[in-house]
Full PDB file with SEQRES, HELIX, SHEET, SSBOND, CRYST1, ORIGX, SCALE, CONECT and MASTER records, all heavy atoms in Angstrom:
SEQRES   1 A   31  ALA ASP LEU TYR ILE CYS GLU PRO GLU LEU VAL GLU LYS          
SEQRES   2 A   31  VAL VAL SER SER GLY GLU LEU ASP LYS GLY ILE GLN ALA          
SEQRES   3 A   31  PHE TYR ASP LYS SER                                          
HELIX    1 AA1 LEU A    3  SER A   16  1                                  14    
HELIX    2 AA2 GLU A   19  ASP A   29  1                                  11    
CRYST1    1.000    1.000    1.000  90.00  90.00  90.00 P 1           1          
ORIGX1      1.000000  0.000000  0.000000        0.00000                         
ORIGX2      0.000000  1.000000  0.000000        0.00000                         
ORIGX3      0.000000  0.000000  1.000000        0.00000                         
SCALE1      1.000000  0.000000  0.000000        0.00000                         
SCALE2      0.000000  1.000000  0.000000        0.00000                         
SCALE3      0.000000  0.000000  1.000000        0.00000                         
ATOM      1  N   ALA A   1      -7.194  18.790  -6.200  1.00  0.00           N  
ATOM      2  CA  ALA A   1      -7.329  18.275  -7.557  1.00  0.00           C  
ATOM      3  C   ALA A   1      -6.005  17.759  -8.111  1.00  0.00           C  
ATOM      4  O   ALA A   1      -5.952  16.764  -8.840  1.00  0.00           O  
ATOM      5  CB  ALA A   1      -7.903  19.358  -8.478  1.00  0.00           C  
ATOM      6  N   ASP A   2      -4.891  18.415  -7.760  1.00  0.00           N  
ATOM      7  CA  ASP A   2      -3.598  18.019  -8.308  1.00  0.00           C  
ATOM      8  C   ASP A   2      -3.117  16.656  -7.789  1.00  0.00           C  
ATOM      9  O   ASP A   2      -2.219  16.046  -8.379  1.00  0.00           O  
ATOM     10  CB  ASP A   2      -2.539  19.072  -7.984  1.00  0.00           C  
ATOM     11  CG  ASP A   2      -2.762  20.366  -8.750  1.00  0.00           C  
ATOM     12  OD1 ASP A   2      -3.534  20.332  -9.725  1.00  0.00           O  
ATOM     13  OD2 ASP A   2      -2.186  21.395  -8.374  1.00  0.00           O  
ATOM     14  N   LEU A   3      -3.699  16.186  -6.688  1.00  0.00           N  
ATOM     15  CA  LEU A   3      -3.296  14.884  -6.153  1.00  0.00           C  
ATOM     16  C   LEU A   3      -3.797  13.729  -7.001  1.00  0.00           C  
ATOM     17  O   LEU A   3      -3.279  12.620  -6.912  1.00  0.00           O  
ATOM     18  CB  LEU A   3      -3.816  14.722  -4.713  1.00  0.00           C  
ATOM     19  CG  LEU A   3      -3.180  15.632  -3.671  1.00  0.00           C  
ATOM     20  CD1 LEU A   3      -3.925  15.500  -2.349  1.00  0.00           C  
ATOM     21  CD2 LEU A   3      -1.724  15.269  -3.485  1.00  0.00           C  
ATOM     22  N   TYR A   4      -4.800  13.976  -7.813  1.00  0.00           N  
ATOM     23  CA  TYR A   4      -5.384  12.900  -8.616  1.00  0.00           C  
ATOM     24  C   TYR A   4      -4.330  12.179  -9.445  1.00  0.00           C  
ATOM     25  O   TYR A   4      -4.303  10.960  -9.522  1.00  0.00           O  
ATOM     26  CB  TYR A   4      -6.462  13.488  -9.535  1.00  0.00           C  
ATOM     27  CG  TYR A   4      -7.067  12.486 -10.495  1.00  0.00           C  
ATOM     28  CD1 TYR A   4      -8.187  11.739 -10.139  1.00  0.00           C  
ATOM     29  CD2 TYR A   4      -6.527  12.268 -11.760  1.00  0.00           C  
ATOM     30  CE1 TYR A   4      -8.736  10.812 -10.999  1.00  0.00           C  
ATOM     31  CE2 TYR A   4      -7.067  11.346 -12.628  1.00  0.00           C  
ATOM     32  CZ  TYR A   4      -8.170  10.625 -12.253  1.00  0.00           C  
ATOM     33  OH  TYR A   4      -8.704   9.705 -13.112  1.00  0.00           O  
ATOM     34  N   ILE A   5      -3.434  12.954 -10.039  1.00  0.00           N  
ATOM     35  CA  ILE A   5      -2.477  12.367 -10.975  1.00  0.00           C  
ATOM     36  C   ILE A   5      -1.340  11.651 -10.264  1.00  0.00           C  
ATOM     37  O   ILE A   5      -0.751  10.709 -10.808  1.00  0.00           O  
ATOM     38  CB  ILE A   5      -1.921  13.463 -11.939  1.00  0.00           C  
ATOM     39  CG1 ILE A   5      -1.248  12.807 -13.160  1.00  0.00           C  
ATOM     40  CG2 ILE A   5      -0.986  14.380 -11.200  1.00  0.00           C  
ATOM     41  CD1 ILE A   5      -2.199  12.057 -14.042  1.00  0.00           C  
ATOM     42  N   CYS A   6      -0.993  12.051  -9.033  1.00  0.00           N  
ATOM     43  CA  CYS A   6       0.176  11.471  -8.385  1.00  0.00           C  
ATOM     44  C   CYS A   6      -0.149  10.391  -7.368  1.00  0.00           C  
ATOM     45  O   CYS A   6       0.707   9.551  -7.094  1.00  0.00           O  
ATOM     46  CB  CYS A   6       1.036  12.559  -7.739  1.00  0.00           C  
ATOM     47  SG  CYS A   6       0.248  13.422  -6.362  1.00  0.00           S  
ATOM     48  N   GLU A   7      -1.359  10.364  -6.812  1.00  0.00           N  
ATOM     49  CA  GLU A   7      -1.653   9.382  -5.780  1.00  0.00           C  
ATOM     50  C   GLU A   7      -1.525   7.940  -6.263  1.00  0.00           C  
ATOM     51  O   GLU A   7      -0.972   7.103  -5.539  1.00  0.00           O  
ATOM     52  CB  GLU A   7      -3.042   9.608  -5.167  1.00  0.00           C  
ATOM     53  CG  GLU A   7      -3.263   8.777  -3.915  1.00  0.00           C  
ATOM     54  CD  GLU A   7      -4.625   8.987  -3.285  1.00  0.00           C  
ATOM     55  OE1 GLU A   7      -5.638   8.680  -3.956  1.00  0.00           O  
ATOM     56  OE2 GLU A   7      -4.683   9.440  -2.138  1.00  0.00           O  
ATOM     57  N   PRO A   8      -1.986   7.584  -7.469  1.00  0.00           N  
ATOM     58  CA  PRO A   8      -1.780   6.204  -7.931  1.00  0.00           C  
ATOM     59  C   PRO A   8      -0.314   5.786  -7.956  1.00  0.00           C  
ATOM     60  O   PRO A   8       0.030   4.648  -7.644  1.00  0.00           O  
ATOM     61  CB  PRO A   8      -2.393   6.208  -9.338  1.00  0.00           C  
ATOM     62  CG  PRO A   8      -3.448   7.253  -9.264  1.00  0.00           C  
ATOM     63  CD  PRO A   8      -2.851   8.328  -8.393  1.00  0.00           C  
ATOM     64  N   GLU A   9       0.573   6.728  -8.323  1.00  0.00           N  
ATOM     65  CA  GLU A   9       2.004   6.418  -8.328  1.00  0.00           C  
ATOM     66  C   GLU A   9       2.516   6.209  -6.899  1.00  0.00           C  
ATOM     67  O   GLU A   9       3.350   5.332  -6.654  1.00  0.00           O  
ATOM     68  CB  GLU A   9       2.789   7.564  -8.989  1.00  0.00           C  
ATOM     69  CG  GLU A   9       2.295   7.973 -10.359  1.00  0.00           C  
ATOM     70  CD  GLU A   9       2.474   6.886 -11.414  1.00  0.00           C  
ATOM     71  OE1 GLU A   9       3.345   6.026 -11.237  1.00  0.00           O  
ATOM     72  OE2 GLU A   9       1.733   6.920 -12.411  1.00  0.00           O  
ATOM     73  N   LEU A  10       2.013   6.991  -5.959  1.00  0.00           N  
ATOM     74  CA  LEU A  10       2.429   6.851  -4.560  1.00  0.00           C  
ATOM     75  C   LEU A  10       1.967   5.510  -3.997  1.00  0.00           C  
ATOM     76  O   LEU A  10       2.710   4.840  -3.282  1.00  0.00           O  
ATOM     77  CB  LEU A  10       1.860   8.000  -3.726  1.00  0.00           C  
ATOM     78  CG  LEU A  10       2.366   9.396  -4.058  1.00  0.00           C  
ATOM     79  CD1 LEU A  10       1.592  10.459  -3.270  1.00  0.00           C  
ATOM     80  CD2 LEU A  10       3.849   9.518  -3.784  1.00  0.00           C  
ATOM     81  N   VAL A  11       0.751   5.110  -4.333  1.00  0.00           N  
ATOM     82  CA  VAL A  11       0.240   3.821  -3.856  1.00  0.00           C  
ATOM     83  C   VAL A  11       1.076   2.680  -4.427  1.00  0.00           C  
ATOM     84  O   VAL A  11       1.432   1.729  -3.724  1.00  0.00           O  
ATOM     85  CB  VAL A  11      -1.244   3.637  -4.237  1.00  0.00           C  
ATOM     86  CG1 VAL A  11      -1.712   2.219  -3.918  1.00  0.00           C  
ATOM     87  CG2 VAL A  11      -2.100   4.645  -3.487  1.00  0.00           C  
ATOM     88  N   GLU A  12       1.407   2.783  -5.717  1.00  0.00           N  
ATOM     89  CA  GLU A  12       2.221   1.750  -6.352  1.00  0.00           C  
ATOM     90  C   GLU A  12       3.565   1.604  -5.627  1.00  0.00           C  
ATOM     91  O   GLU A  12       4.056   0.492  -5.401  1.00  0.00           O  
ATOM     92  CB  GLU A  12       2.449   2.103  -7.817  1.00  0.00           C  
ATOM     93  CG  GLU A  12       3.085   0.999  -8.627  1.00  0.00           C  
ATOM     94  CD  GLU A  12       3.128   1.359 -10.115  1.00  0.00           C  
ATOM     95  OE1 GLU A  12       3.567   2.479 -10.442  1.00  0.00           O  
ATOM     96  OE2 GLU A  12       2.713   0.520 -10.925  1.00  0.00           O  
ATOM     97  N   LYS A  13       4.151   2.737  -5.207  1.00  0.00           N  
ATOM     98  CA  LYS A  13       5.425   2.706  -4.495  1.00  0.00           C  
ATOM     99  C   LYS A  13       5.267   2.074  -3.115  1.00  0.00           C  
ATOM    100  O   LYS A  13       6.110   1.271  -2.691  1.00  0.00           O  
ATOM    101  CB  LYS A  13       5.961   4.136  -4.361  1.00  0.00           C  
ATOM    102  CG  LYS A  13       7.315   4.238  -3.658  1.00  0.00           C  
ATOM    103  CD  LYS A  13       8.412   3.579  -4.470  1.00  0.00           C  
ATOM    104  CE  LYS A  13       9.764   3.802  -3.839  1.00  0.00           C  
ATOM    105  NZ  LYS A  13      10.854   3.120  -4.572  1.00  0.00           N  
ATOM    106  N   VAL A  14       4.196   2.415  -2.405  1.00  0.00           N  
ATOM    107  CA  VAL A  14       3.958   1.824  -1.080  1.00  0.00           C  
ATOM    108  C   VAL A  14       3.792   0.319  -1.188  1.00  0.00           C  
ATOM    109  O   VAL A  14       4.346  -0.452  -0.403  1.00  0.00           O  
ATOM    110  CB  VAL A  14       2.712   2.460  -0.427  1.00  0.00           C  
ATOM    111  CG1 VAL A  14       2.310   1.691   0.817  1.00  0.00           C  
ATOM    112  CG2 VAL A  14       2.995   3.922  -0.061  1.00  0.00           C  
ATOM    113  N   VAL A  15       3.034  -0.119  -2.180  1.00  0.00           N  
ATOM    114  CA  VAL A  15       2.798  -1.556  -2.367  1.00  0.00           C  
ATOM    115  C   VAL A  15       4.105  -2.272  -2.670  1.00  0.00           C  
ATOM    116  O   VAL A  15       4.375  -3.368  -2.147  1.00  0.00           O  
ATOM    117  CB  VAL A  15       1.767  -1.796  -3.481  1.00  0.00           C  
ATOM    118  CG1 VAL A  15       1.681  -3.290  -3.828  1.00  0.00           C  
ATOM    119  CG2 VAL A  15       0.404  -1.272  -3.049  1.00  0.00           C  
ATOM    120  N   SER A  16       4.955  -1.679  -3.493  1.00  0.00           N  
ATOM    121  CA  SER A  16       6.223  -2.336  -3.867  1.00  0.00           C  
ATOM    122  C   SER A  16       7.178  -2.429  -2.683  1.00  0.00           C  
ATOM    123  O   SER A  16       8.119  -3.220  -2.713  1.00  0.00           O  
ATOM    124  CB  SER A  16       6.882  -1.596  -5.025  1.00  0.00           C  
ATOM    125  OG  SER A  16       7.333  -0.309  -4.614  1.00  0.00           O  
ATOM    126  N   SER A  17       6.939  -1.638  -1.627  1.00  0.00           N  
ATOM    127  CA  SER A  17       7.814  -1.689  -0.449  1.00  0.00           C  
ATOM    128  C   SER A  17       7.648  -2.977   0.350  1.00  0.00           C  
ATOM    129  O   SER A  17       8.494  -3.313   1.170  1.00  0.00           O  
ATOM    130  CB  SER A  17       7.523  -0.499   0.475  1.00  0.00           C  
ATOM    131  OG  SER A  17       6.288  -0.683   1.166  1.00  0.00           O  
ATOM    132  N   GLY A  18       6.538  -3.674   0.141  1.00  0.00           N  
ATOM    133  CA  GLY A  18       6.278  -4.911   0.878  1.00  0.00           C  
ATOM    134  C   GLY A  18       5.491  -4.702   2.157  1.00  0.00           C  
ATOM    135  O   GLY A  18       5.073  -5.674   2.799  1.00  0.00           O  
ATOM    136  N   GLU A  19       5.273  -3.458   2.544  1.00  0.00           N  
ATOM    137  CA  GLU A  19       4.573  -3.207   3.794  1.00  0.00           C  
ATOM    138  C   GLU A  19       3.116  -3.661   3.733  1.00  0.00           C  
ATOM    139  O   GLU A  19       2.576  -4.178   4.714  1.00  0.00           O  
ATOM    140  CB  GLU A  19       4.645  -1.719   4.158  1.00  0.00           C  
ATOM    141  CG  GLU A  19       6.033  -1.268   4.570  1.00  0.00           C  
ATOM    142  CD  GLU A  19       6.064   0.177   5.046  1.00  0.00           C  
ATOM    143  OE1 GLU A  19       4.991   0.809   5.113  1.00  0.00           O  
ATOM    144  OE2 GLU A  19       7.167   0.680   5.358  1.00  0.00           O  
ATOM    145  N   LEU A  20       2.470  -3.476   2.581  1.00  0.00           N  
ATOM    146  CA  LEU A  20       1.080  -3.898   2.466  1.00  0.00           C  
ATOM    147  C   LEU A  20       0.962  -5.418   2.587  1.00  0.00           C  
ATOM    148  O   LEU A  20       0.035  -5.939   3.210  1.00  0.00           O  
ATOM    149  CB  LEU A  20       0.488  -3.427   1.141  1.00  0.00           C  
ATOM    150  CG  LEU A  20      -0.994  -3.765   0.917  1.00  0.00           C  
ATOM    151  CD1 LEU A  20      -1.876  -3.132   1.994  1.00  0.00           C  
ATOM    152  CD2 LEU A  20      -1.444  -3.297  -0.465  1.00  0.00           C  
ATOM    153  N   ASP A  21       1.912  -6.158   2.006  1.00  0.00           N  
ATOM    154  CA  ASP A  21       1.903  -7.617   2.132  1.00  0.00           C  
ATOM    155  C   ASP A  21       1.994  -8.037   3.596  1.00  0.00           C  
ATOM    156  O   ASP A  21       1.281  -8.943   4.047  1.00  0.00           O  
ATOM    157  CB  ASP A  21       3.070  -8.236   1.353  1.00  0.00           C  
ATOM    158  CG  ASP A  21       2.885  -8.129  -0.146  1.00  0.00           C  
ATOM    159  OD1 ASP A  21       1.722  -8.002  -0.574  1.00  0.00           O  
ATOM    160  OD2 ASP A  21       3.891  -8.152  -0.870  1.00  0.00           O  
ATOM    161  N   LYS A  22       2.872  -7.369   4.359  1.00  0.00           N  
ATOM    162  CA  LYS A  22       3.007  -7.669   5.784  1.00  0.00           C  
ATOM    163  C   LYS A  22       1.696  -7.378   6.527  1.00  0.00           C  
ATOM    164  O   LYS A  22       1.259  -8.152   7.368  1.00  0.00           O  
ATOM    165  CB  LYS A  22       4.126  -6.842   6.411  1.00  0.00           C  
ATOM    166  CG  LYS A  22       5.535  -7.290   6.058  1.00  0.00           C  
ATOM    167  CD  LYS A  22       6.549  -6.446   6.818  1.00  0.00           C  
ATOM    168  CE  LYS A  22       7.980  -6.878   6.515  1.00  0.00           C  
ATOM    169  NZ  LYS A  22       8.964  -6.062   7.262  1.00  0.00           N  
ATOM    170  N   GLY A  23       1.099  -6.242   6.195  1.00  0.00           N  
ATOM    171  CA  GLY A  23      -0.128  -5.842   6.865  1.00  0.00           C  
ATOM    172  C   GLY A  23      -1.282  -6.795   6.586  1.00  0.00           C  
ATOM    173  O   GLY A  23      -2.023  -7.170   7.499  1.00  0.00           O  
ATOM    174  N   ILE A  24      -1.417  -7.192   5.322  1.00  0.00           N  
ATOM    175  CA  ILE A  24      -2.504  -8.099   4.963  1.00  0.00           C  
ATOM    176  C   ILE A  24      -2.288  -9.481   5.580  1.00  0.00           C  
ATOM    177  O   ILE A  24      -3.224 -10.113   6.065  1.00  0.00           O  
ATOM    178  CB  ILE A  24      -2.642  -8.190   3.424  1.00  0.00           C  
ATOM    179  CG1 ILE A  24      -3.162  -6.848   2.877  1.00  0.00           C  
ATOM    180  CG2 ILE A  24      -3.586  -9.322   3.038  1.00  0.00           C  
ATOM    181  CD1 ILE A  24      -3.260  -6.789   1.376  1.00  0.00           C  
ATOM    182  N   GLN A  25      -1.033  -9.951   5.592  1.00  0.00           N  
ATOM    183  CA  GLN A  25      -0.764 -11.256   6.208  1.00  0.00           C  
ATOM    184  C   GLN A  25      -1.092 -11.234   7.698  1.00  0.00           C  
ATOM    185  O   GLN A  25      -1.678 -12.181   8.232  1.00  0.00           O  
ATOM    186  CB  GLN A  25       0.711 -11.643   6.007  1.00  0.00           C  
ATOM    187  CG  GLN A  25       1.038 -13.059   6.473  1.00  0.00           C  
ATOM    188  CD  GLN A  25       0.223 -14.112   5.748  1.00  0.00           C  
ATOM    189  OE1 GLN A  25       0.199 -14.138   4.515  1.00  0.00           O  
ATOM    190  NE2 GLN A  25      -0.464 -14.959   6.512  1.00  0.00           N  
ATOM    191  N   ALA A  26      -0.747 -10.140   8.364  1.00  0.00           N  
ATOM    192  CA  ALA A  26      -1.081 -10.011   9.786  1.00  0.00           C  
ATOM    193  C   ALA A  26      -2.590  -9.963   9.985  1.00  0.00           C  
ATOM    194  O   ALA A  26      -3.121 -10.511  10.960  1.00  0.00           O  
ATOM    195  CB  ALA A  26      -0.417  -8.756  10.362  1.00  0.00           C  
ATOM    196  N   PHE A  27      -3.283  -9.324   9.063  1.00  0.00           N  
ATOM    197  CA  PHE A  27      -4.742  -9.279   9.112  1.00  0.00           C  
ATOM    198  C   PHE A  27      -5.321 -10.691   9.042  1.00  0.00           C  
ATOM    199  O   PHE A  27      -6.208 -11.060   9.810  1.00  0.00           O  
ATOM    200  CB  PHE A  27      -5.262  -8.416   7.967  1.00  0.00           C  
ATOM    201  CG  PHE A  27      -6.758  -8.395   7.811  1.00  0.00           C  
ATOM    202  CD1 PHE A  27      -7.547  -7.619   8.644  1.00  0.00           C  
ATOM    203  CD2 PHE A  27      -7.374  -9.157   6.821  1.00  0.00           C  
ATOM    204  CE1 PHE A  27      -8.922  -7.601   8.497  1.00  0.00           C  
ATOM    205  CE2 PHE A  27      -8.746  -9.146   6.657  1.00  0.00           C  
ATOM    206  CZ  PHE A  27      -9.530  -8.370   7.506  1.00  0.00           C  
ATOM    207  N   TYR A  28      -4.796 -11.489   8.104  1.00  0.00           N  
ATOM    208  CA  TYR A  28      -5.256 -12.876   7.991  1.00  0.00           C  
ATOM    209  C   TYR A  28      -4.941 -13.668   9.258  1.00  0.00           C  
ATOM    210  O   TYR A  28      -5.735 -14.492   9.723  1.00  0.00           O  
ATOM    211  CB  TYR A  28      -4.574 -13.584   6.815  1.00  0.00           C  
ATOM    212  CG  TYR A  28      -4.949 -13.046   5.456  1.00  0.00           C  
ATOM    213  CD1 TYR A  28      -4.018 -13.023   4.410  1.00  0.00           C  
ATOM    214  CD2 TYR A  28      -6.224 -12.554   5.193  1.00  0.00           C  
ATOM    215  CE1 TYR A  28      -4.348 -12.529   3.153  1.00  0.00           C  
ATOM    216  CE2 TYR A  28      -6.567 -12.061   3.954  1.00  0.00           C  
ATOM    217  CZ  TYR A  28      -5.625 -12.044   2.936  1.00  0.00           C  
ATOM    218  OH  TYR A  28      -5.954 -11.556   1.694  1.00  0.00           O  
ATOM    219  N   ASP A  29      -3.750 -13.424   9.830  1.00  0.00           N  
ATOM    220  CA  ASP A  29      -3.295 -14.177  11.006  1.00  0.00           C  
ATOM    221  C   ASP A  29      -3.857 -13.628  12.312  1.00  0.00           C  
ATOM    222  O   ASP A  29      -3.594 -14.209  13.377  1.00  0.00           O  
ATOM    223  CB  ASP A  29      -1.756 -14.139  11.090  1.00  0.00           C  
ATOM    224  CG  ASP A  29      -1.097 -14.808   9.893  1.00  0.00           C  
ATOM    225  OD1 ASP A  29      -1.762 -15.620   9.224  1.00  0.00           O  
ATOM    226  OD2 ASP A  29       0.085 -14.501   9.626  1.00  0.00           O  
ATOM    227  N   LYS A  30      -4.588 -12.504  12.212  1.00  0.00           N  
ATOM    228  CA  LYS A  30      -5.111 -11.837  13.417  1.00  0.00           C  
ATOM    229  C   LYS A  30      -3.989 -11.496  14.394  1.00  0.00           C  
ATOM    230  O   LYS A  30      -4.081 -11.718  15.608  1.00  0.00           O  
ATOM    231  CB  LYS A  30      -6.197 -12.683  14.098  1.00  0.00           C  
ATOM    232  CG  LYS A  30      -7.390 -12.994  13.200  1.00  0.00           C  
ATOM    233  CD  LYS A  30      -8.492 -13.682  13.947  1.00  0.00           C  
ATOM    234  CE  LYS A  30      -9.633 -14.132  13.033  1.00  0.00           C  
ATOM    235  NZ  LYS A  30     -10.147 -13.075  12.174  1.00  0.00           N  
ATOM    236  N   SER A  31      -2.901 -10.986  13.845  1.00  0.00           N  
ATOM    237  CA  SER A  31      -1.729 -10.613  14.657  1.00  0.00           C  
ATOM    238  C   SER A  31      -1.365  -9.153  14.369  1.00  0.00           C  
ATOM    239  O   SER A  31      -1.974  -8.492  13.522  1.00  0.00           O  
ATOM    240  CB  SER A  31      -0.550 -11.524  14.322  1.00  0.00           C  
ATOM    241  OG  SER A  31      -0.159 -11.373  12.964  1.00  0.00           O  
TER     242      SER A  31                                                      
MASTER        0    0    0    2    0    0    0    6  241    1    0    3          
END                                                                             
């Protein structure tokens, strides 16, 4: 239950790292 409040902040941090952009671009490129 305690993860509810912190997980959105963790996701925001992961997204700001740029890794999700790389992953999605590779998904589009099938690479």
